mmCIF file of all heavy atoms, coordinates in Angstrom:
data_MODEL
# 
_entry.id   MODEL 
# 
loop_
_atom_site.group_PDB 
_atom_site.id 
_atom_site.type_symbol 
_atom_site.label_atom_id 
_atom_site.label_alt_id 
_atom_site.label_comp_id 
_atom_site.label_asym_id 
_atom_site.label_entity_id 
_atom_site.label_seq_id 
_atom_site.pdbx_PDB_ins_code 
_atom_site.Cartn_x 
_atom_site.Cartn_y 
_atom_site.Cartn_z 
_atom_site.occupancy 
_atom_site.B_iso_or_equiv 
_atom_site.pdbx_formal_charge 
_atom_site.auth_seq_id 
_atom_site.auth_comp_id 
_atom_site.auth_asym_id 
_atom_site.auth_atom_id 
_atom_site.pdbx_PDB_model_num 
ATOM 1   N N   . LEU A 1 1  ? 97.509  104.050 108.282 1.00 0.00 ? 1  LEU A N   1 
ATOM 2   C CA  . LEU A 1 1  ? 97.203  105.473 108.396 1.00 0.00 ? 1  LEU A CA  1 
ATOM 3   C C   . LEU A 1 1  ? 97.867  106.145 109.591 1.00 0.00 ? 1  LEU A C   1 
ATOM 4   O O   . LEU A 1 1  ? 97.822  107.373 109.701 1.00 0.00 ? 1  LEU A O   1 
ATOM 5   C CB  . LEU A 1 1  ? 95.687  105.671 108.479 1.00 0.00 ? 1  LEU A CB  1 
ATOM 6   C CG  . LEU A 1 1  ? 94.898  105.243 107.233 1.00 0.00 ? 1  LEU A CG  1 
ATOM 7   C CD1 . LEU A 1 1  ? 93.404  105.304 107.500 1.00 0.00 ? 1  LEU A CD1 1 
ATOM 8   C CD2 . LEU A 1 1  ? 95.265  106.102 106.024 1.00 0.00 ? 1  LEU A CD2 1 
ATOM 9   N N   . ARG A 1 2  ? 98.427  105.374 110.499 1.00 0.00 ? 2  ARG A N   1 
ATOM 10  C CA  . ARG A 1 2  ? 99.087  105.986 111.653 1.00 0.00 ? 2  ARG A CA  1 
ATOM 11  C C   . ARG A 1 2  ? 100.312 106.761 111.199 1.00 0.00 ? 2  ARG A C   1 
ATOM 12  O O   . ARG A 1 2  ? 100.913 106.496 110.171 1.00 0.00 ? 2  ARG A O   1 
ATOM 13  C CB  . ARG A 1 2  ? 99.455  104.925 112.679 1.00 0.00 ? 2  ARG A CB  1 
ATOM 14  C CG  . ARG A 1 2  ? 98.245  104.320 113.380 1.00 0.00 ? 2  ARG A CG  1 
ATOM 15  C CD  . ARG A 1 2  ? 98.623  103.262 114.379 1.00 0.00 ? 2  ARG A CD  1 
ATOM 16  N NE  . ARG A 1 2  ? 99.339  103.826 115.529 1.00 0.00 ? 2  ARG A NE  1 
ATOM 17  C CZ  . ARG A 1 2  ? 99.723  103.128 116.592 1.00 0.00 ? 2  ARG A CZ  1 
ATOM 18  N NH1 . ARG A 1 2  ? 99.466  101.829 116.643 1.00 0.00 ? 2  ARG A NH1 1 
ATOM 19  N NH2 . ARG A 1 2  ? 100.350 103.711 117.599 1.00 0.00 ? 2  ARG A NH2 1 
ATOM 20  N N   . GLY A 1 3  ? 100.687 107.725 111.991 1.00 0.00 ? 3  GLY A N   1 
ATOM 21  C CA  . GLY A 1 3  ? 101.839 108.554 111.622 1.00 0.00 ? 3  GLY A CA  1 
ATOM 22  C C   . GLY A 1 3  ? 101.498 109.439 110.437 1.00 0.00 ? 3  GLY A C   1 
ATOM 23  O O   . GLY A 1 3  ? 100.454 110.084 110.394 1.00 0.00 ? 3  GLY A O   1 
ATOM 24  N N   . TRP A 1 4  ? 102.398 109.440 109.445 1.00 0.00 ? 4  TRP A N   1 
ATOM 25  C CA  . TRP A 1 4  ? 102.205 110.278 108.262 1.00 0.00 ? 4  TRP A CA  1 
ATOM 26  C C   . TRP A 1 4  ? 101.222 109.681 107.274 1.00 0.00 ? 4  TRP A C   1 
ATOM 27  O O   . TRP A 1 4  ? 100.807 110.350 106.329 1.00 0.00 ? 4  TRP A O   1 
ATOM 28  C CB  . TRP A 1 4  ? 103.553 110.511 107.573 1.00 0.00 ? 4  TRP A CB  1 
ATOM 29  C CG  . TRP A 1 4  ? 104.481 111.321 108.410 1.00 0.00 ? 4  TRP A CG  1 
ATOM 30  C CD1 . TRP A 1 4  ? 105.453 110.852 109.249 1.00 0.00 ? 4  TRP A CD1 1 
ATOM 31  C CD2 . TRP A 1 4  ? 104.501 112.742 108.524 1.00 0.00 ? 4  TRP A CD2 1 
ATOM 32  N NE1 . TRP A 1 4  ? 106.091 111.894 109.882 1.00 0.00 ? 4  TRP A NE1 1 
ATOM 33  C CE2 . TRP A 1 4  ? 105.531 113.069 109.455 1.00 0.00 ? 4  TRP A CE2 1 
ATOM 34  C CE3 . TRP A 1 4  ? 103.768 113.775 107.952 1.00 0.00 ? 4  TRP A CE3 1 
ATOM 35  C CZ2 . TRP A 1 4  ? 105.824 114.385 109.795 1.00 0.00 ? 4  TRP A CZ2 1 
ATOM 36  C CZ3 . TRP A 1 4  ? 104.062 115.079 108.289 1.00 0.00 ? 4  TRP A CZ3 1 
ATOM 37  C CH2 . TRP A 1 4  ? 105.079 115.366 109.198 1.00 0.00 ? 4  TRP A CH2 1 
ATOM 38  N N   . GLY A 1 5  ? 100.846 108.434 107.486 1.00 0.00 ? 5  GLY A N   1 
ATOM 39  C CA  . GLY A 1 5  ? 99.964  107.768 106.534 1.00 0.00 ? 5  GLY A CA  1 
ATOM 40  C C   . GLY A 1 5  ? 98.623  108.449 106.371 1.00 0.00 ? 5  GLY A C   1 
ATOM 41  O O   . GLY A 1 5  ? 98.052  108.458 105.273 1.00 0.00 ? 5  GLY A O   1 
ATOM 42  N N   . LEU A 1 6  ? 98.099  109.023 107.449 1.00 0.00 ? 6  LEU A N   1 
ATOM 43  C CA  . LEU A 1 6  ? 96.793  109.657 107.364 1.00 0.00 ? 6  LEU A CA  1 
ATOM 44  C C   . LEU A 1 6  ? 96.827  110.870 106.437 1.00 0.00 ? 6  LEU A C   1 
ATOM 45  O O   . LEU A 1 6  ? 95.816  111.211 105.817 1.00 0.00 ? 6  LEU A O   1 
ATOM 46  C CB  . LEU A 1 6  ? 96.319  110.084 108.760 1.00 0.00 ? 6  LEU A CB  1 
ATOM 47  C CG  . LEU A 1 6  ? 94.872  110.568 108.860 1.00 0.00 ? 6  LEU A CG  1 
ATOM 48  C CD1 . LEU A 1 6  ? 93.903  109.461 108.471 1.00 0.00 ? 6  LEU A CD1 1 
ATOM 49  C CD2 . LEU A 1 6  ? 94.568  111.061 110.260 1.00 0.00 ? 6  LEU A CD2 1 
ATOM 50  N N   . LEU A 1 7  ? 97.958  111.516 106.326 1.00 0.00 ? 7  LEU A N   1 
ATOM 51  C CA  . LEU A 1 7  ? 98.102  112.635 105.401 1.00 0.00 ? 7  LEU A CA  1 
ATOM 52  C C   . LEU A 1 7  ? 98.414  112.160 103.986 1.00 0.00 ? 7  LEU A C   1 
ATOM 53  O O   . LEU A 1 7  ? 97.861  112.681 103.014 1.00 0.00 ? 7  LEU A O   1 
ATOM 54  C CB  . LEU A 1 7  ? 99.209  113.581 105.885 1.00 0.00 ? 7  LEU A CB  1 
ATOM 55  C CG  . LEU A 1 7  ? 99.541  114.769 104.979 1.00 0.00 ? 7  LEU A CG  1 
ATOM 56  C CD1 . LEU A 1 7  ? 98.329  115.679 104.813 1.00 0.00 ? 7  LEU A CD1 1 
ATOM 57  C CD2 . LEU A 1 7  ? 100.728 115.553 105.530 1.00 0.00 ? 7  LEU A CD2 1 
ATOM 58  N N   . ILE A 1 8  ? 99.262  111.150 103.867 1.00 0.00 ? 8  ILE A N   1 
ATOM 59  C CA  . ILE A 1 8  ? 99.805  110.785 102.561 1.00 0.00 ? 8  ILE A CA  1 
ATOM 60  C C   . ILE A 1 8  ? 98.912  109.797 101.806 1.00 0.00 ? 8  ILE A C   1 
ATOM 61  O O   . ILE A 1 8  ? 98.633  109.978 100.615 1.00 0.00 ? 8  ILE A O   1 
ATOM 62  C CB  . ILE A 1 8  ? 101.219 110.206 102.724 1.00 0.00 ? 8  ILE A CB  1 
ATOM 63  C CG1 . ILE A 1 8  ? 102.155 111.285 103.275 1.00 0.00 ? 8  ILE A CG1 1 
ATOM 64  C CG2 . ILE A 1 8  ? 101.746 109.670 101.396 1.00 0.00 ? 8  ILE A CG2 1 
ATOM 65  C CD1 . ILE A 1 8  ? 103.521 110.763 103.657 1.00 0.00 ? 8  ILE A CD1 1 
ATOM 66  N N   . VAL A 1 9  ? 98.447  108.728 102.471 1.00 0.00 ? 9  VAL A N   1 
ATOM 67  C CA  . VAL A 1 9  ? 97.748  107.653 101.762 1.00 0.00 ? 9  VAL A CA  1 
ATOM 68  C C   . VAL A 1 9  ? 96.458  108.129 101.100 1.00 0.00 ? 9  VAL A C   1 
ATOM 69  O O   . VAL A 1 9  ? 96.257  107.907 99.899  1.00 0.00 ? 9  VAL A O   1 
ATOM 70  C CB  . VAL A 1 9  ? 97.493  106.455 102.708 1.00 0.00 ? 9  VAL A CB  1 
ATOM 71  C CG1 . VAL A 1 9  ? 96.623  105.403 102.007 1.00 0.00 ? 9  VAL A CG1 1 
ATOM 72  C CG2 . VAL A 1 9  ? 98.824  105.842 103.149 1.00 0.00 ? 9  VAL A CG2 1 
ATOM 73  N N   . PRO A 1 10 ? 95.525  108.786 101.817 1.00 0.00 ? 10 PRO A N   1 
ATOM 74  C CA  . PRO A 1 10 ? 94.318  109.254 101.123 1.00 0.00 ? 10 PRO A CA  1 
ATOM 75  C C   . PRO A 1 10 ? 94.615  110.265 100.026 1.00 0.00 ? 10 PRO A C   1 
ATOM 76  O O   . PRO A 1 10 ? 93.942  110.279 98.988  1.00 0.00 ? 10 PRO A O   1 
ATOM 77  C CB  . PRO A 1 10 ? 93.490  109.884 102.259 1.00 0.00 ? 10 PRO A CB  1 
ATOM 78  C CG  . PRO A 1 10 ? 93.989  109.231 103.502 1.00 0.00 ? 10 PRO A CG  1 
ATOM 79  C CD  . PRO A 1 10 ? 95.453  109.043 103.264 1.00 0.00 ? 10 PRO A CD  1 
ATOM 80  N N   . MET A 1 11 ? 95.627  111.106 100.236 1.00 0.00 ? 11 MET A N   1 
ATOM 81  C CA  . MET A 1 11 ? 95.996  112.072 99.207  1.00 0.00 ? 11 MET A CA  1 
ATOM 82  C C   . MET A 1 11 ? 96.447  111.365 97.942  1.00 0.00 ? 11 MET A C   1 
ATOM 83  O O   . MET A 1 11 ? 96.062  111.732 96.816  1.00 0.00 ? 11 MET A O   1 
ATOM 84  C CB  . MET A 1 11 ? 97.103  112.980 99.733  1.00 0.00 ? 11 MET A CB  1 
ATOM 85  C CG  . MET A 1 11 ? 97.457  114.146 98.831  1.00 0.00 ? 11 MET A CG  1 
ATOM 86  S SD  . MET A 1 11 ? 98.849  115.076 99.519  1.00 0.00 ? 11 MET A SD  1 
ATOM 87  C CE  . MET A 1 11 ? 98.092  115.733 101.029 1.00 0.00 ? 11 MET A CE  1 
ATOM 88  N N   . LEU A 1 12 ? 97.264  110.312 98.095  1.00 0.00 ? 12 LEU A N   1 
ATOM 89  C CA  . LEU A 1 12 ? 97.710  109.538 96.930  1.00 0.00 ? 12 LEU A CA  1 
ATOM 90  C C   . LEU A 1 12 ? 96.546  108.822 96.267  1.00 0.00 ? 12 LEU A C   1 
ATOM 91  O O   . LEU A 1 12 ? 96.502  108.699 95.035  1.00 0.00 ? 12 LEU A O   1 
ATOM 92  C CB  . LEU A 1 12 ? 98.783  108.539 97.350  1.00 0.00 ? 12 LEU A CB  1 
ATOM 93  C CG  . LEU A 1 12 ? 100.128 109.141 97.771  1.00 0.00 ? 12 LEU A CG  1 
ATOM 94  C CD1 . LEU A 1 12 ? 101.086 108.039 98.227  1.00 0.00 ? 12 LEU A CD1 1 
ATOM 95  C CD2 . LEU A 1 12 ? 100.745 109.953 96.635  1.00 0.00 ? 12 LEU A CD2 1 
ATOM 96  N N   . LEU A 1 13 ? 95.598  108.342 97.052  1.00 0.00 ? 13 LEU A N   1 
ATOM 97  C CA  . LEU A 1 13 ? 94.412  107.706 96.469  1.00 0.00 ? 13 LEU A CA  1 
ATOM 98  C C   . LEU A 1 13 ? 93.622  108.705 95.637  1.00 0.00 ? 13 LEU A C   1 
ATOM 99  O O   . LEU A 1 13 ? 93.168  108.387 94.530  1.00 0.00 ? 13 LEU A O   1 
ATOM 100 C CB  . LEU A 1 13 ? 93.532  107.123 97.576  1.00 0.00 ? 13 LEU A CB  1 
ATOM 101 C CG  . LEU A 1 13 ? 94.050  105.868 98.270  1.00 0.00 ? 13 LEU A CG  1 
ATOM 102 C CD1 . LEU A 1 13 ? 93.139  105.490 99.436  1.00 0.00 ? 13 LEU A CD1 1 
ATOM 103 C CD2 . LEU A 1 13 ? 94.129  104.709 97.281  1.00 0.00 ? 13 LEU A CD2 1 
ATOM 104 N N   . TRP A 1 14 ? 93.434  109.916 96.154  1.00 0.00 ? 14 TRP A N   1 
ATOM 105 C CA  . TRP A 1 14 ? 92.730  110.945 95.387  1.00 0.00 ? 14 TRP A CA  1 
ATOM 106 C C   . TRP A 1 14 ? 93.462  111.271 94.088  1.00 0.00 ? 14 TRP A C   1 
ATOM 107 O O   . TRP A 1 14 ? 92.827  111.408 93.032  1.00 0.00 ? 14 TRP A O   1 
ATOM 108 C CB  . TRP A 1 14 ? 92.585  112.206 96.240  1.00 0.00 ? 14 TRP A CB  1 
ATOM 109 C CG  . TRP A 1 14 ? 91.376  112.182 97.130  1.00 0.00 ? 14 TRP A CG  1 
ATOM 110 C CD1 . TRP A 1 14 ? 90.530  111.137 97.358  1.00 0.00 ? 14 TRP A CD1 1 
ATOM 111 C CD2 . TRP A 1 14 ? 90.874  113.279 97.897  1.00 0.00 ? 14 TRP A CD2 1 
ATOM 112 N NE1 . TRP A 1 14 ? 89.542  111.500 98.229  1.00 0.00 ? 14 TRP A NE1 1 
ATOM 113 C CE2 . TRP A 1 14 ? 89.723  112.806 98.573  1.00 0.00 ? 14 TRP A CE2 1 
ATOM 114 C CE3 . TRP A 1 14 ? 91.284  114.589 98.083  1.00 0.00 ? 14 TRP A CE3 1 
ATOM 115 C CZ2 . TRP A 1 14 ? 88.981  113.628 99.416  1.00 0.00 ? 14 TRP A CZ2 1 
ATOM 116 C CZ3 . TRP A 1 14 ? 90.549  115.411 98.933  1.00 0.00 ? 14 TRP A CZ3 1 
ATOM 117 C CH2 . TRP A 1 14 ? 89.408  114.932 99.585  1.00 0.00 ? 14 TRP A CH2 1 
ATOM 118 N N   . ILE A 1 15 ? 94.777  111.378 94.157  1.00 0.00 ? 15 ILE A N   1 
ATOM 119 C CA  . ILE A 1 15 ? 95.554  111.659 92.945  1.00 0.00 ? 15 ILE A CA  1 
ATOM 120 C C   . ILE A 1 15 ? 95.416  110.524 91.947  1.00 0.00 ? 15 ILE A C   1 
ATOM 121 O O   . ILE A 1 15 ? 95.242  110.748 90.742  1.00 0.00 ? 15 ILE A O   1 
ATOM 122 C CB  . ILE A 1 15 ? 97.033  111.906 93.306  1.00 0.00 ? 15 ILE A CB  1 
ATOM 123 C CG1 . ILE A 1 15 ? 97.170  113.232 94.070  1.00 0.00 ? 15 ILE A CG1 1 
ATOM 124 C CG2 . ILE A 1 15 ? 97.904  111.924 92.051  1.00 0.00 ? 15 ILE A CG2 1 
ATOM 125 C CD1 . ILE A 1 15 ? 98.559  113.474 94.619  1.00 0.00 ? 15 ILE A CD1 1 
ATOM 126 N N   . ALA A 1 16 ? 95.461  109.276 92.437  1.00 0.00 ? 16 ALA A N   1 
ATOM 127 C CA  . ALA A 1 16 ? 95.329  108.123 91.550  1.00 0.00 ? 16 ALA A CA  1 
ATOM 128 C C   . ALA A 1 16 ? 93.954  108.098 90.887  1.00 0.00 ? 16 ALA A C   1 
ATOM 129 O O   . ALA A 1 16 ? 93.833  107.766 89.693  1.00 0.00 ? 16 ALA A O   1 
ATOM 130 C CB  . ALA A 1 16 ? 95.562  106.835 92.344  1.00 0.00 ? 16 ALA A CB  1 
ATOM 131 N N   . ILE A 1 17 ? 92.901  108.429 91.632  1.00 0.00 ? 17 ILE A N   1 
ATOM 132 C CA  . ILE A 1 17 ? 91.556  108.460 91.055  1.00 0.00 ? 17 ILE A CA  1 
ATOM 133 C C   . ILE A 1 17 ? 91.476  109.509 89.955  1.00 0.00 ? 17 ILE A C   1 
ATOM 134 O O   . ILE A 1 17 ? 90.913  109.264 88.877  1.00 0.00 ? 17 ILE A O   1 
ATOM 135 C CB  . ILE A 1 17 ? 90.510  108.735 92.155  1.00 0.00 ? 17 ILE A CB  1 
ATOM 136 C CG1 . ILE A 1 17 ? 90.438  107.547 93.123  1.00 0.00 ? 17 ILE A CG1 1 
ATOM 137 C CG2 . ILE A 1 17 ? 89.131  109.008 91.546  1.00 0.00 ? 17 ILE A CG2 1 
ATOM 138 C CD1 . ILE A 1 17 ? 89.696  107.856 94.407  1.00 0.00 ? 17 ILE A CD1 1 
ATOM 139 N N   . TYR A 1 18 ? 92.057  110.675 90.201  1.00 0.00 ? 18 TYR A N   1 
ATOM 140 C CA  . TYR A 1 18 ? 92.035  111.710 89.159  1.00 0.00 ? 18 TYR A CA  1 
ATOM 141 C C   . TYR A 1 18 ? 92.812  111.265 87.923  1.00 0.00 ? 18 TYR A C   1 
ATOM 142 O O   . TYR A 1 18 ? 92.340  111.431 86.786  1.00 0.00 ? 18 TYR A O   1 
ATOM 143 C CB  . TYR A 1 18 ? 92.614  113.031 89.679  1.00 0.00 ? 18 TYR A CB  1 
ATOM 144 C CG  . TYR A 1 18 ? 92.872  113.984 88.531  1.00 0.00 ? 18 TYR A CG  1 
ATOM 145 C CD1 . TYR A 1 18 ? 91.810  114.581 87.864  1.00 0.00 ? 18 TYR A CD1 1 
ATOM 146 C CD2 . TYR A 1 18 ? 94.176  114.216 88.065  1.00 0.00 ? 18 TYR A CD2 1 
ATOM 147 C CE1 . TYR A 1 18 ? 92.040  115.403 86.774  1.00 0.00 ? 18 TYR A CE1 1 
ATOM 148 C CE2 . TYR A 1 18 ? 94.406  115.046 86.982  1.00 0.00 ? 18 TYR A CE2 1 
ATOM 149 C CZ  . TYR A 1 18 ? 93.330  115.633 86.339  1.00 0.00 ? 18 TYR A CZ  1 
ATOM 150 O OH  . TYR A 1 18 ? 93.554  116.433 85.253  1.00 0.00 ? 18 TYR A OH  1 
ATOM 151 N N   . LEU A 1 19 ? 94.010  110.714 88.120  1.00 0.00 ? 19 LEU A N   1 
ATOM 152 C CA  . LEU A 1 19 ? 94.827  110.301 86.974  1.00 0.00 ? 19 LEU A CA  1 
ATOM 153 C C   . LEU A 1 19 ? 94.165  109.176 86.189  1.00 0.00 ? 19 LEU A C   1 
ATOM 154 O O   . LEU A 1 19 ? 94.349  109.072 84.969  1.00 0.00 ? 19 LEU A O   1 
ATOM 155 C CB  . LEU A 1 19 ? 96.213  109.875 87.449  1.00 0.00 ? 19 LEU A CB  1 
ATOM 156 C CG  . LEU A 1 19 ? 97.096  110.993 88.024  1.00 0.00 ? 19 LEU A CG  1 
ATOM 157 C CD1 . LEU A 1 19 ? 98.405  110.425 88.550  1.00 0.00 ? 19 LEU A CD1 1 
ATOM 158 C CD2 . LEU A 1 19 ? 97.354  112.078 86.975  1.00 0.00 ? 19 LEU A CD2 1 
ATOM 159 N N   . ALA A 1 20 ? 93.397  108.333 86.870  1.00 0.00 ? 20 ALA A N   1 
ATOM 160 C CA  . ALA A 1 20 ? 92.701  107.247 86.185  1.00 0.00 ? 20 ALA A CA  1 
ATOM 161 C C   . ALA A 1 20 ? 91.494  107.753 85.396  1.00 0.00 ? 20 ALA A C   1 
ATOM 162 O O   . ALA A 1 20 ? 91.113  107.161 84.380  1.00 0.00 ? 20 ALA A O   1 
ATOM 163 C CB  . ALA A 1 20 ? 92.254  106.189 87.193  1.00 0.00 ? 20 ALA A CB  1 
ATOM 164 N N   . PHE A 1 21 ? 90.882  108.856 85.871  1.00 0.00 ? 21 PHE A N   1 
ATOM 165 C CA  . PHE A 1 21 ? 89.684  109.389 85.209  1.00 0.00 ? 21 PHE A CA  1 
ATOM 166 C C   . PHE A 1 21 ? 89.828  110.912 85.037  1.00 0.00 ? 21 PHE A C   1 
ATOM 167 O O   . PHE A 1 21 ? 89.040  111.677 85.587  1.00 0.00 ? 21 PHE A O   1 
ATOM 168 C CB  . PHE A 1 21 ? 88.434  109.080 86.037  1.00 0.00 ? 21 PHE A CB  1 
ATOM 169 C CG  . PHE A 1 21 ? 88.250  107.622 86.357  1.00 0.00 ? 21 PHE A CG  1 
ATOM 170 C CD1 . PHE A 1 21 ? 88.679  107.127 87.590  1.00 0.00 ? 21 PHE A CD1 1 
ATOM 171 C CD2 . PHE A 1 21 ? 87.669  106.759 85.444  1.00 0.00 ? 21 PHE A CD2 1 
ATOM 172 C CE1 . PHE A 1 21 ? 88.510  105.786 87.902  1.00 0.00 ? 21 PHE A CE1 1 
ATOM 173 C CE2 . PHE A 1 21 ? 87.503  105.419 85.748  1.00 0.00 ? 21 PHE A CE2 1 
ATOM 174 C CZ  . PHE A 1 21 ? 87.930  104.932 86.977  1.00 0.00 ? 21 PHE A CZ  1 
ATOM 175 N N   . PRO A 1 22 ? 90.816  111.353 84.259  1.00 0.00 ? 22 PRO A N   1 
ATOM 176 C CA  . PRO A 1 22 ? 91.099  112.805 84.198  1.00 0.00 ? 22 PRO A CA  1 
ATOM 177 C C   . PRO A 1 22 ? 90.001  113.619 83.525  1.00 0.00 ? 22 PRO A C   1 
ATOM 178 O O   . PRO A 1 22 ? 89.918  114.829 83.745  1.00 0.00 ? 22 PRO A O   1 
ATOM 179 C CB  . PRO A 1 22 ? 92.401  112.870 83.403  1.00 0.00 ? 22 PRO A CB  1 
ATOM 180 C CG  . PRO A 1 22 ? 92.397  111.626 82.578  1.00 0.00 ? 22 PRO A CG  1 
ATOM 181 C CD  . PRO A 1 22 ? 91.738  110.580 83.415  1.00 0.00 ? 22 PRO A CD  1 
ATOM 182 N N   . ASP A 1 23 ? 89.176  112.990 82.720  1.00 0.00 ? 23 ASP A N   1 
ATOM 183 C CA  . ASP A 1 23 ? 88.164  113.739 81.971  1.00 0.00 ? 23 ASP A CA  1 
ATOM 184 C C   . ASP A 1 23 ? 86.782  113.688 82.615  1.00 0.00 ? 23 ASP A C   1 
ATOM 185 O O   . ASP A 1 23 ? 85.814  114.186 82.035  1.00 0.00 ? 23 ASP A O   1 
ATOM 186 C CB  . ASP A 1 23 ? 88.065  113.196 80.534  1.00 0.00 ? 23 ASP A CB  1 
ATOM 187 C CG  . ASP A 1 23 ? 89.369  113.350 79.764  1.00 0.00 ? 23 ASP A CG  1 
ATOM 188 O OD1 . ASP A 1 23 ? 90.032  114.389 79.950  1.00 0.00 ? 23 ASP A OD1 1 
ATOM 189 O OD2 . ASP A 1 23 ? 89.729  112.432 79.005  1.00 0.00 ? 23 ASP A OD2 1 
ATOM 190 N N   . HIS A 1 24 ? 86.710  113.087 83.790  1.00 0.00 ? 24 HIS A N   1 
ATOM 191 C CA  . HIS A 1 24 ? 85.390  112.960 84.418  1.00 0.00 ? 24 HIS A CA  1 
ATOM 192 C C   . HIS A 1 24 ? 84.954  114.283 85.039  1.00 0.00 ? 24 HIS A C   1 
ATOM 193 O O   . HIS A 1 24 ? 85.709  114.936 85.761  1.00 0.00 ? 24 HIS A O   1 
ATOM 194 C CB  . HIS A 1 24 ? 85.418  111.883 85.504  1.00 0.00 ? 24 HIS A CB  1 
ATOM 195 C CG  . HIS A 1 24 ? 84.109  111.765 86.236  1.00 0.00 ? 24 HIS A CG  1 
ATOM 196 N ND1 . HIS A 1 24 ? 83.003  111.191 85.675  1.00 0.00 ? 24 HIS A ND1 1 
ATOM 197 C CD2 . HIS A 1 24 ? 83.732  112.184 87.473  1.00 0.00 ? 24 HIS A CD2 1 
ATOM 198 C CE1 . HIS A 1 24 ? 82.000  111.223 86.534  1.00 0.00 ? 24 HIS A CE1 1 
ATOM 199 N NE2 . HIS A 1 24 ? 82.417  111.831 87.638  1.00 0.00 ? 24 HIS A NE2 1 
ATOM 200 N N   . ASP A 1 25 ? 83.733  114.678 84.730  1.00 0.00 ? 25 ASP A N   1 
ATOM 201 C CA  . ASP A 1 25 ? 83.111  115.833 85.364  1.00 0.00 ? 25 ASP A CA  1 
ATOM 202 C C   . ASP A 1 25 ? 82.024  115.333 86.309  1.00 0.00 ? 25 ASP A C   1 
ATOM 203 O O   . ASP A 1 25 ? 81.167  114.535 85.914  1.00 0.00 ? 25 ASP A O   1 
ATOM 204 C CB  . ASP A 1 25 ? 82.485  116.769 84.323  1.00 0.00 ? 25 ASP A CB  1 
ATOM 205 C CG  . ASP A 1 25 ? 83.527  117.492 83.499  1.00 0.00 ? 25 ASP A CG  1 
ATOM 206 O OD1 . ASP A 1 25 ? 84.579  117.843 84.054  1.00 0.00 ? 25 ASP A OD1 1 
ATOM 207 O OD2 . ASP A 1 25 ? 83.295  117.699 82.283  1.00 0.00 ? 25 ASP A OD2 1 
ATOM 208 N N   . GLU A 1 26 ? 82.059  115.809 87.523  1.00 0.00 ? 26 GLU A N   1 
ATOM 209 C CA  . GLU A 1 26 ? 81.102  115.368 88.531  1.00 0.00 ? 26 GLU A CA  1 
ATOM 210 C C   . GLU A 1 26 ? 79.679  115.682 88.073  1.00 0.00 ? 26 GLU A C   1 
ATOM 211 O O   . GLU A 1 26 ? 79.382  116.798 87.644  1.00 0.00 ? 26 GLU A O   1 
ATOM 212 C CB  . GLU A 1 26 ? 81.401  116.059 89.857  1.00 0.00 ? 26 GLU A CB  1 
ATOM 213 C CG  . GLU A 1 26 ? 80.742  115.425 91.042  1.00 0.00 ? 26 GLU A CG  1 
ATOM 214 C CD  . GLU A 1 26 ? 81.349  115.896 92.357  1.00 0.00 ? 26 GLU A CD  1 
ATOM 215 O OE1 . GLU A 1 26 ? 82.487  116.403 92.340  1.00 0.00 ? 26 GLU A OE1 1 
ATOM 216 O OE2 . GLU A 1 26 ? 80.688  115.742 93.391  1.00 0.00 ? 26 GLU A OE2 1 
ATOM 217 N N   . THR A 1 27 ? 78.769  114.689 88.159  1.00 0.00 ? 27 THR A N   1 
ATOM 218 C CA  . THR A 1 27 ? 77.419  114.846 87.629  1.00 0.00 ? 27 THR A CA  1 
ATOM 219 C C   . THR A 1 27 ? 76.355  114.961 88.708  1.00 0.00 ? 27 THR A C   1 
ATOM 220 O O   . THR A 1 27 ? 75.289  115.515 88.462  1.00 0.00 ? 27 THR A O   1 
ATOM 221 C CB  . THR A 1 27 ? 77.050  113.659 86.741  1.00 0.00 ? 27 THR A CB  1 
ATOM 222 O OG1 . THR A 1 27 ? 76.936  112.463 87.540  1.00 0.00 ? 27 THR A OG1 1 
ATOM 223 C CG2 . THR A 1 27 ? 78.094  113.438 85.652  1.00 0.00 ? 27 THR A CG2 1 
# 
């Protein structure tokens, strides 16, 4: 996460979670 990782890595994780579950609505 040092350097640019703190901006990029969590953002990519969030994108991956959405792409894996695109139809999920928060309950």
